Amino acid sequence: MSEFKGTPAPWKWFTSNSHKRLSSVLSGKDGDVLYAYNDSTGFPMIGCNERDMALIAAAPELLAACLRMRNQLYAAGYESEAGSMHPTKCLLAQVEAAIAKALGQ
């Protein structure tokens, strides 16, 4: 199994308005800047807003929860089956797909 090798959690974000310049920064555990944008017009240059930043900041915890859920479902004997009529098998397939996407697989 692969694991996340990016900047460790927790991630925090903040927004400031100084000198008519909007800035949002997402920083990691060791203070590394993960994502930032500046725009003198007040609009994000790449379409990111506060809801996007909140979701991005929650990503490490969401990934950890998905990994834990996957492992517990495996331990309970469930198998992944996309499109299954069995809700837990279908959920496990969705969780596996989300994990793979988060890990860039």
N, C-alpha and C. Protein backbone atom coordinates (compact mmCIF):
# COMPACT_ATOMS: atom_id res chain seq x y z
N MET A 1 0.83 -1.18 0.00
CA MET A 1 0.00 0.00 0.00
C MET A 1 0.87 1.25 0.00
N SER A 2 0.47 2.23 -0.76
CA SER A 2 1.16 3.50 -0.79
C SER A 2 0.72 4.35 0.39
N GLU A 3 1.53 5.34 0.71
CA GLU A 3 1.17 6.27 1.76
C GLU A 3 1.43 7.69 1.28
N PHE A 4 0.81 8.64 1.94
CA PHE A 4 0.96 10.05 1.59
C PHE A 4 2.36 10.51 1.96
N LYS A 5 3.05 11.11 0.99
CA LYS A 5 4.42 11.54 1.22
C LYS A 5 4.56 13.06 1.12
N GLY A 6 3.45 13.77 1.18
CA GLY A 6 3.46 15.22 1.08
C GLY A 6 3.74 15.87 2.43
N THR A 7 3.46 17.15 2.52
CA THR A 7 3.66 17.91 3.75
C THR A 7 2.75 17.37 4.83
N PRO A 8 3.31 17.05 6.02
CA PRO A 8 2.48 16.47 7.08
C PRO A 8 1.46 17.46 7.63
N ALA A 9 0.36 16.90 8.13
CA ALA A 9 -0.69 17.69 8.77
C ALA A 9 -0.19 18.17 10.13
N PRO A 10 -0.82 19.12 10.75
CA PRO A 10 -2.04 19.80 10.28
C PRO A 10 -1.72 20.88 9.27
N TRP A 11 -2.69 21.15 8.39
CA TRP A 11 -2.60 22.25 7.46
C TRP A 11 -3.53 23.34 7.96
N LYS A 12 -3.12 24.58 7.85
CA LYS A 12 -3.94 25.71 8.27
C LYS A 12 -3.94 26.74 7.15
N TRP A 13 -5.02 27.50 7.04
CA TRP A 13 -5.07 28.54 6.02
C TRP A 13 -5.54 29.83 6.64
N PHE A 14 -5.12 30.90 6.05
CA PHE A 14 -5.56 32.21 6.49
C PHE A 14 -5.66 33.13 5.29
N THR A 15 -6.50 34.13 5.43
CA THR A 15 -6.69 35.13 4.37
C THR A 15 -6.49 36.50 4.99
N SER A 16 -5.82 37.37 4.27
CA SER A 16 -5.66 38.74 4.75
C SER A 16 -5.89 39.71 3.61
N ASN A 17 -6.34 40.88 3.95
CA ASN A 17 -6.54 41.96 2.99
C ASN A 17 -5.66 43.11 3.42
N SER A 18 -4.55 43.30 2.74
CA SER A 18 -3.67 44.41 3.09
C SER A 18 -3.30 45.16 1.82
N HIS A 19 -3.37 46.47 1.88
CA HIS A 19 -3.02 47.33 0.74
C HIS A 19 -3.80 46.93 -0.51
N LYS A 20 -5.10 46.65 -0.34
CA LYS A 20 -6.00 46.27 -1.45
C LYS A 20 -5.51 45.03 -2.19
N ARG A 21 -4.84 44.15 -1.49
CA ARG A 21 -4.32 42.93 -2.11
C ARG A 21 -4.80 41.74 -1.29
N LEU A 22 -5.57 40.87 -1.89
CA LEU A 22 -6.09 39.69 -1.22
C LEU A 22 -5.05 38.58 -1.27
N SER A 23 -4.75 38.01 -0.12
CA SER A 23 -3.77 36.92 -0.06
C SER A 23 -4.35 35.78 0.75
N SER A 24 -4.24 34.58 0.25
CA SER A 24 -4.59 33.38 1.00
C SER A 24 -3.41 32.45 0.97
N VAL A 25 -3.09 31.89 2.12
CA VAL A 25 -1.94 31.01 2.22
C VAL A 25 -2.35 29.76 2.98
N LEU A 26 -1.92 28.63 2.52
CA LEU A 26 -2.12 27.36 3.20
C LEU A 26 -0.75 26.91 3.65
N SER A 27 -0.59 26.68 4.94
CA SER A 27 0.73 26.28 5.42
C SER A 27 0.64 24.94 6.13
N GLY A 28 1.73 24.19 6.06
CA GLY A 28 1.79 22.87 6.66
C GLY A 28 2.39 22.88 8.04
N LYS A 29 2.55 21.71 8.61
CA LYS A 29 3.03 21.52 9.97
C LYS A 29 4.33 22.28 10.25
N ASP A 30 5.25 22.26 9.32
CA ASP A 30 6.55 22.90 9.54
C ASP A 30 6.60 24.31 8.96
N GLY A 31 5.43 24.88 8.64
CA GLY A 31 5.38 26.23 8.12
C GLY A 31 5.60 26.34 6.62
N ASP A 32 5.70 25.22 5.92
CA ASP A 32 5.87 25.25 4.47
C ASP A 32 4.61 25.81 3.81
N VAL A 33 4.77 26.71 2.89
CA VAL A 33 3.61 27.23 2.15
C VAL A 33 3.23 26.19 1.10
N LEU A 34 2.00 25.72 1.19
CA LEU A 34 1.52 24.70 0.27
C LEU A 34 0.78 25.31 -0.91
N TYR A 35 0.14 26.46 -0.68
CA TYR A 35 -0.70 27.02 -1.71
C TYR A 35 -0.89 28.50 -1.40
N ALA A 36 -0.75 29.34 -2.36
CA ALA A 36 -0.96 30.76 -2.12
C ALA A 36 -1.45 31.44 -3.39
N TYR A 37 -2.19 32.51 -3.21
CA TYR A 37 -2.55 33.32 -4.36
C TYR A 37 -2.64 34.78 -3.94
N ASN A 38 -2.35 35.64 -4.85
CA ASN A 38 -2.46 37.08 -4.65
C ASN A 38 -3.12 37.67 -5.88
N ASP A 39 -3.94 38.68 -5.66
CA ASP A 39 -4.59 39.30 -6.80
C ASP A 39 -5.04 40.70 -6.41
N SER A 40 -4.60 41.69 -7.11
CA SER A 40 -4.93 43.08 -6.76
C SER A 40 -6.39 43.42 -7.04
N THR A 41 -7.09 42.60 -7.81
CA THR A 41 -8.49 42.88 -8.12
C THR A 41 -9.43 42.35 -7.05
N GLY A 42 -8.93 41.53 -6.14
CA GLY A 42 -9.79 40.93 -5.12
C GLY A 42 -10.33 39.58 -5.50
N PHE A 43 -10.00 39.10 -6.70
CA PHE A 43 -10.45 37.78 -7.12
C PHE A 43 -9.26 36.84 -7.16
N PRO A 44 -9.43 35.61 -6.72
CA PRO A 44 -8.33 34.65 -6.79
C PRO A 44 -7.92 34.41 -8.24
N MET A 45 -6.65 34.31 -8.48
CA MET A 45 -6.16 34.12 -9.84
C MET A 45 -6.54 32.77 -10.41
N ILE A 46 -6.69 31.75 -9.57
CA ILE A 46 -7.02 30.43 -10.11
C ILE A 46 -8.36 29.91 -9.59
N GLY A 47 -9.22 30.81 -9.17
CA GLY A 47 -10.58 30.43 -8.83
C GLY A 47 -10.75 29.77 -7.47
N CYS A 48 -9.87 30.01 -6.55
CA CYS A 48 -9.98 29.40 -5.23
C CYS A 48 -10.69 30.36 -4.29
N ASN A 49 -11.62 29.86 -3.50
CA ASN A 49 -12.32 30.69 -2.54
C ASN A 49 -12.20 30.08 -1.14
N GLU A 50 -12.86 30.68 -0.16
CA GLU A 50 -12.73 30.19 1.22
C GLU A 50 -13.20 28.75 1.37
N ARG A 51 -14.24 28.36 0.67
CA ARG A 51 -14.72 26.96 0.75
C ARG A 51 -13.68 26.00 0.20
N ASP A 52 -13.03 26.40 -0.90
CA ASP A 52 -11.97 25.57 -1.47
C ASP A 52 -10.81 25.44 -0.49
N MET A 53 -10.41 26.56 0.10
CA MET A 53 -9.29 26.55 1.03
C MET A 53 -9.60 25.68 2.25
N ALA A 54 -10.85 25.73 2.75
CA ALA A 54 -11.23 24.91 3.89
C ALA A 54 -11.14 23.43 3.55
N LEU A 55 -11.59 23.06 2.35
CA LEU A 55 -11.51 21.67 1.91
C LEU A 55 -10.07 21.22 1.76
N ILE A 56 -9.24 22.06 1.15
CA ILE A 56 -7.82 21.72 0.98
C ILE A 56 -7.16 21.55 2.34
N ALA A 57 -7.46 22.44 3.28
CA ALA A 57 -6.86 22.36 4.61
C ALA A 57 -7.27 21.09 5.35
N ALA A 58 -8.47 20.58 5.07
CA ALA A 58 -8.97 19.36 5.73
C ALA A 58 -8.46 18.08 5.07
N ALA A 59 -7.78 18.19 3.93
CA ALA A 59 -7.37 17.01 3.15
C ALA A 59 -6.59 15.97 3.95
N PRO A 60 -5.59 16.34 4.76
CA PRO A 60 -4.85 15.29 5.48
C PRO A 60 -5.74 14.48 6.43
N GLU A 61 -6.66 15.16 7.12
CA GLU A 61 -7.55 14.46 8.04
C GLU A 61 -8.56 13.59 7.28
N LEU A 62 -9.04 14.08 6.14
CA LEU A 62 -9.95 13.29 5.32
C LEU A 62 -9.28 12.04 4.79
N LEU A 63 -8.03 12.18 4.33
CA LEU A 63 -7.29 11.02 3.85
C LEU A 63 -7.07 10.01 4.97
N ALA A 64 -6.68 10.49 6.14
CA ALA A 64 -6.47 9.58 7.28
C ALA A 64 -7.75 8.84 7.64
N ALA A 65 -8.89 9.53 7.61
CA ALA A 65 -10.17 8.88 7.91
C ALA A 65 -10.51 7.83 6.86
N CYS A 66 -10.25 8.14 5.59
CA CYS A 66 -10.51 7.17 4.52
C CYS A 66 -9.63 5.93 4.66
N LEU A 67 -8.36 6.15 4.97
CA LEU A 67 -7.44 5.01 5.17
C LEU A 67 -7.91 4.13 6.32
N ARG A 68 -8.32 4.77 7.41
CA ARG A 68 -8.79 4.00 8.57
C ARG A 68 -10.07 3.23 8.23
N MET A 69 -11.01 3.90 7.52
CA MET A 69 -12.26 3.24 7.13
C MET A 69 -11.97 2.04 6.23
N ARG A 70 -11.10 2.24 5.25
CA ARG A 70 -10.74 1.14 4.34
C ARG A 70 -10.17 -0.05 5.12
N ASN A 71 -9.24 0.23 6.01
CA ASN A 71 -8.60 -0.84 6.77
C ASN A 71 -9.60 -1.57 7.67
N GLN A 72 -10.53 -0.84 8.27
CA GLN A 72 -11.53 -1.48 9.13
C GLN A 72 -12.51 -2.31 8.32
N LEU A 73 -12.85 -1.84 7.13
CA LEU A 73 -13.75 -2.63 6.28
C LEU A 73 -13.06 -3.89 5.78
N TYR A 74 -11.77 -3.79 5.43
CA TYR A 74 -11.02 -4.99 5.07
C TYR A 74 -11.00 -5.97 6.24
N ALA A 75 -10.71 -5.47 7.45
CA ALA A 75 -10.63 -6.32 8.64
C ALA A 75 -11.97 -7.00 8.94
N ALA A 76 -13.07 -6.32 8.58
CA ALA A 76 -14.40 -6.90 8.80
C ALA A 76 -14.78 -7.90 7.72
N GLY A 77 -13.90 -8.06 6.71
CA GLY A 77 -14.12 -9.07 5.69
C GLY A 77 -14.81 -8.59 4.43
N TYR A 78 -14.98 -7.29 4.28
CA TYR A 78 -15.62 -6.78 3.08
C TYR A 78 -14.65 -6.72 1.91
N GLU A 79 -15.21 -6.89 0.72
CA GLU A 79 -14.44 -6.75 -0.51
C GLU A 79 -14.99 -5.56 -1.29
N SER A 80 -14.12 -4.90 -2.00
CA SER A 80 -14.50 -3.73 -2.79
C SER A 80 -15.22 -4.17 -4.06
N GLU A 81 -16.35 -3.54 -4.34
CA GLU A 81 -17.09 -3.87 -5.56
C GLU A 81 -17.84 -2.63 -6.03
N ALA A 82 -17.25 -1.92 -7.00
CA ALA A 82 -17.89 -0.72 -7.53
C ALA A 82 -19.24 -1.05 -8.14
N GLY A 83 -20.24 -0.25 -7.84
CA GLY A 83 -21.58 -0.45 -8.40
C GLY A 83 -22.36 -1.58 -7.78
N SER A 84 -21.84 -2.16 -6.71
CA SER A 84 -22.52 -3.27 -6.05
C SER A 84 -23.84 -2.81 -5.42
N MET A 85 -24.79 -3.71 -5.34
CA MET A 85 -26.03 -3.43 -4.62
C MET A 85 -25.81 -3.51 -3.11
N HIS A 86 -24.69 -4.07 -2.71
CA HIS A 86 -24.34 -4.13 -1.29
C HIS A 86 -23.69 -2.79 -0.93
N PRO A 87 -24.33 -1.98 -0.08
CA PRO A 87 -23.84 -0.62 0.17
C PRO A 87 -22.43 -0.55 0.73
N THR A 88 -22.03 -1.49 1.55
CA THR A 88 -20.69 -1.44 2.14
C THR A 88 -19.62 -1.77 1.11
N LYS A 89 -19.88 -2.73 0.24
CA LYS A 89 -18.93 -3.06 -0.82
C LYS A 89 -18.75 -1.88 -1.78
N CYS A 90 -19.86 -1.21 -2.10
CA CYS A 90 -19.81 -0.05 -2.97
C CYS A 90 -19.09 1.11 -2.29
N LEU A 91 -19.35 1.31 -0.99
CA LEU A 91 -18.66 2.35 -0.22
C LEU A 91 -17.16 2.09 -0.20
N LEU A 92 -16.76 0.86 -0.01
CA LEU A 92 -15.34 0.52 0.02
C LEU A 92 -14.68 0.85 -1.32
N ALA A 93 -15.37 0.59 -2.42
CA ALA A 93 -14.83 0.94 -3.74
C ALA A 93 -14.67 2.45 -3.88
N GLN A 94 -15.62 3.21 -3.38
CA GLN A 94 -15.54 4.67 -3.44
C GLN A 94 -14.38 5.19 -2.59
N VAL A 95 -14.20 4.61 -1.42
CA VAL A 95 -13.12 5.01 -0.52
C VAL A 95 -11.76 4.69 -1.16
N GLU A 96 -11.65 3.51 -1.77
CA GLU A 96 -10.40 3.14 -2.44
C GLU A 96 -10.09 4.11 -3.59
N ALA A 97 -11.11 4.51 -4.34
CA ALA A 97 -10.91 5.45 -5.45
C ALA A 97 -10.46 6.82 -4.93
N ALA A 98 -11.06 7.26 -3.82
CA ALA A 98 -10.68 8.55 -3.24
C ALA A 98 -9.24 8.51 -2.72
N ILE A 99 -8.86 7.41 -2.10
CA ILE A 99 -7.49 7.26 -1.60
C ILE A 99 -6.50 7.28 -2.76
N ALA A 100 -6.81 6.52 -3.81
CA ALA A 100 -5.92 6.48 -4.97
C ALA A 100 -5.77 7.87 -5.59
N LYS A 101 -6.85 8.62 -5.68
CA LYS A 101 -6.79 9.97 -6.23
C LYS A 101 -5.93 10.87 -5.35
N ALA A 102 -6.14 10.78 -4.04
CA ALA A 102 -5.38 11.61 -3.10
C ALA A 102 -3.89 11.30 -3.14
N LEU A 103 -3.54 10.04 -3.42
CA LEU A 103 -2.14 9.64 -3.47
C LEU A 103 -1.55 9.75 -4.88
N GLY A 104 -2.35 10.22 -5.83
CA GLY A 104 -1.86 10.40 -7.19
C GLY A 104 -1.65 9.12 -7.94
N GLN A 105 -2.46 8.12 -7.67
CA GLN A 105 -2.31 6.81 -8.32
C GLN A 105 -3.33 6.64 -9.43
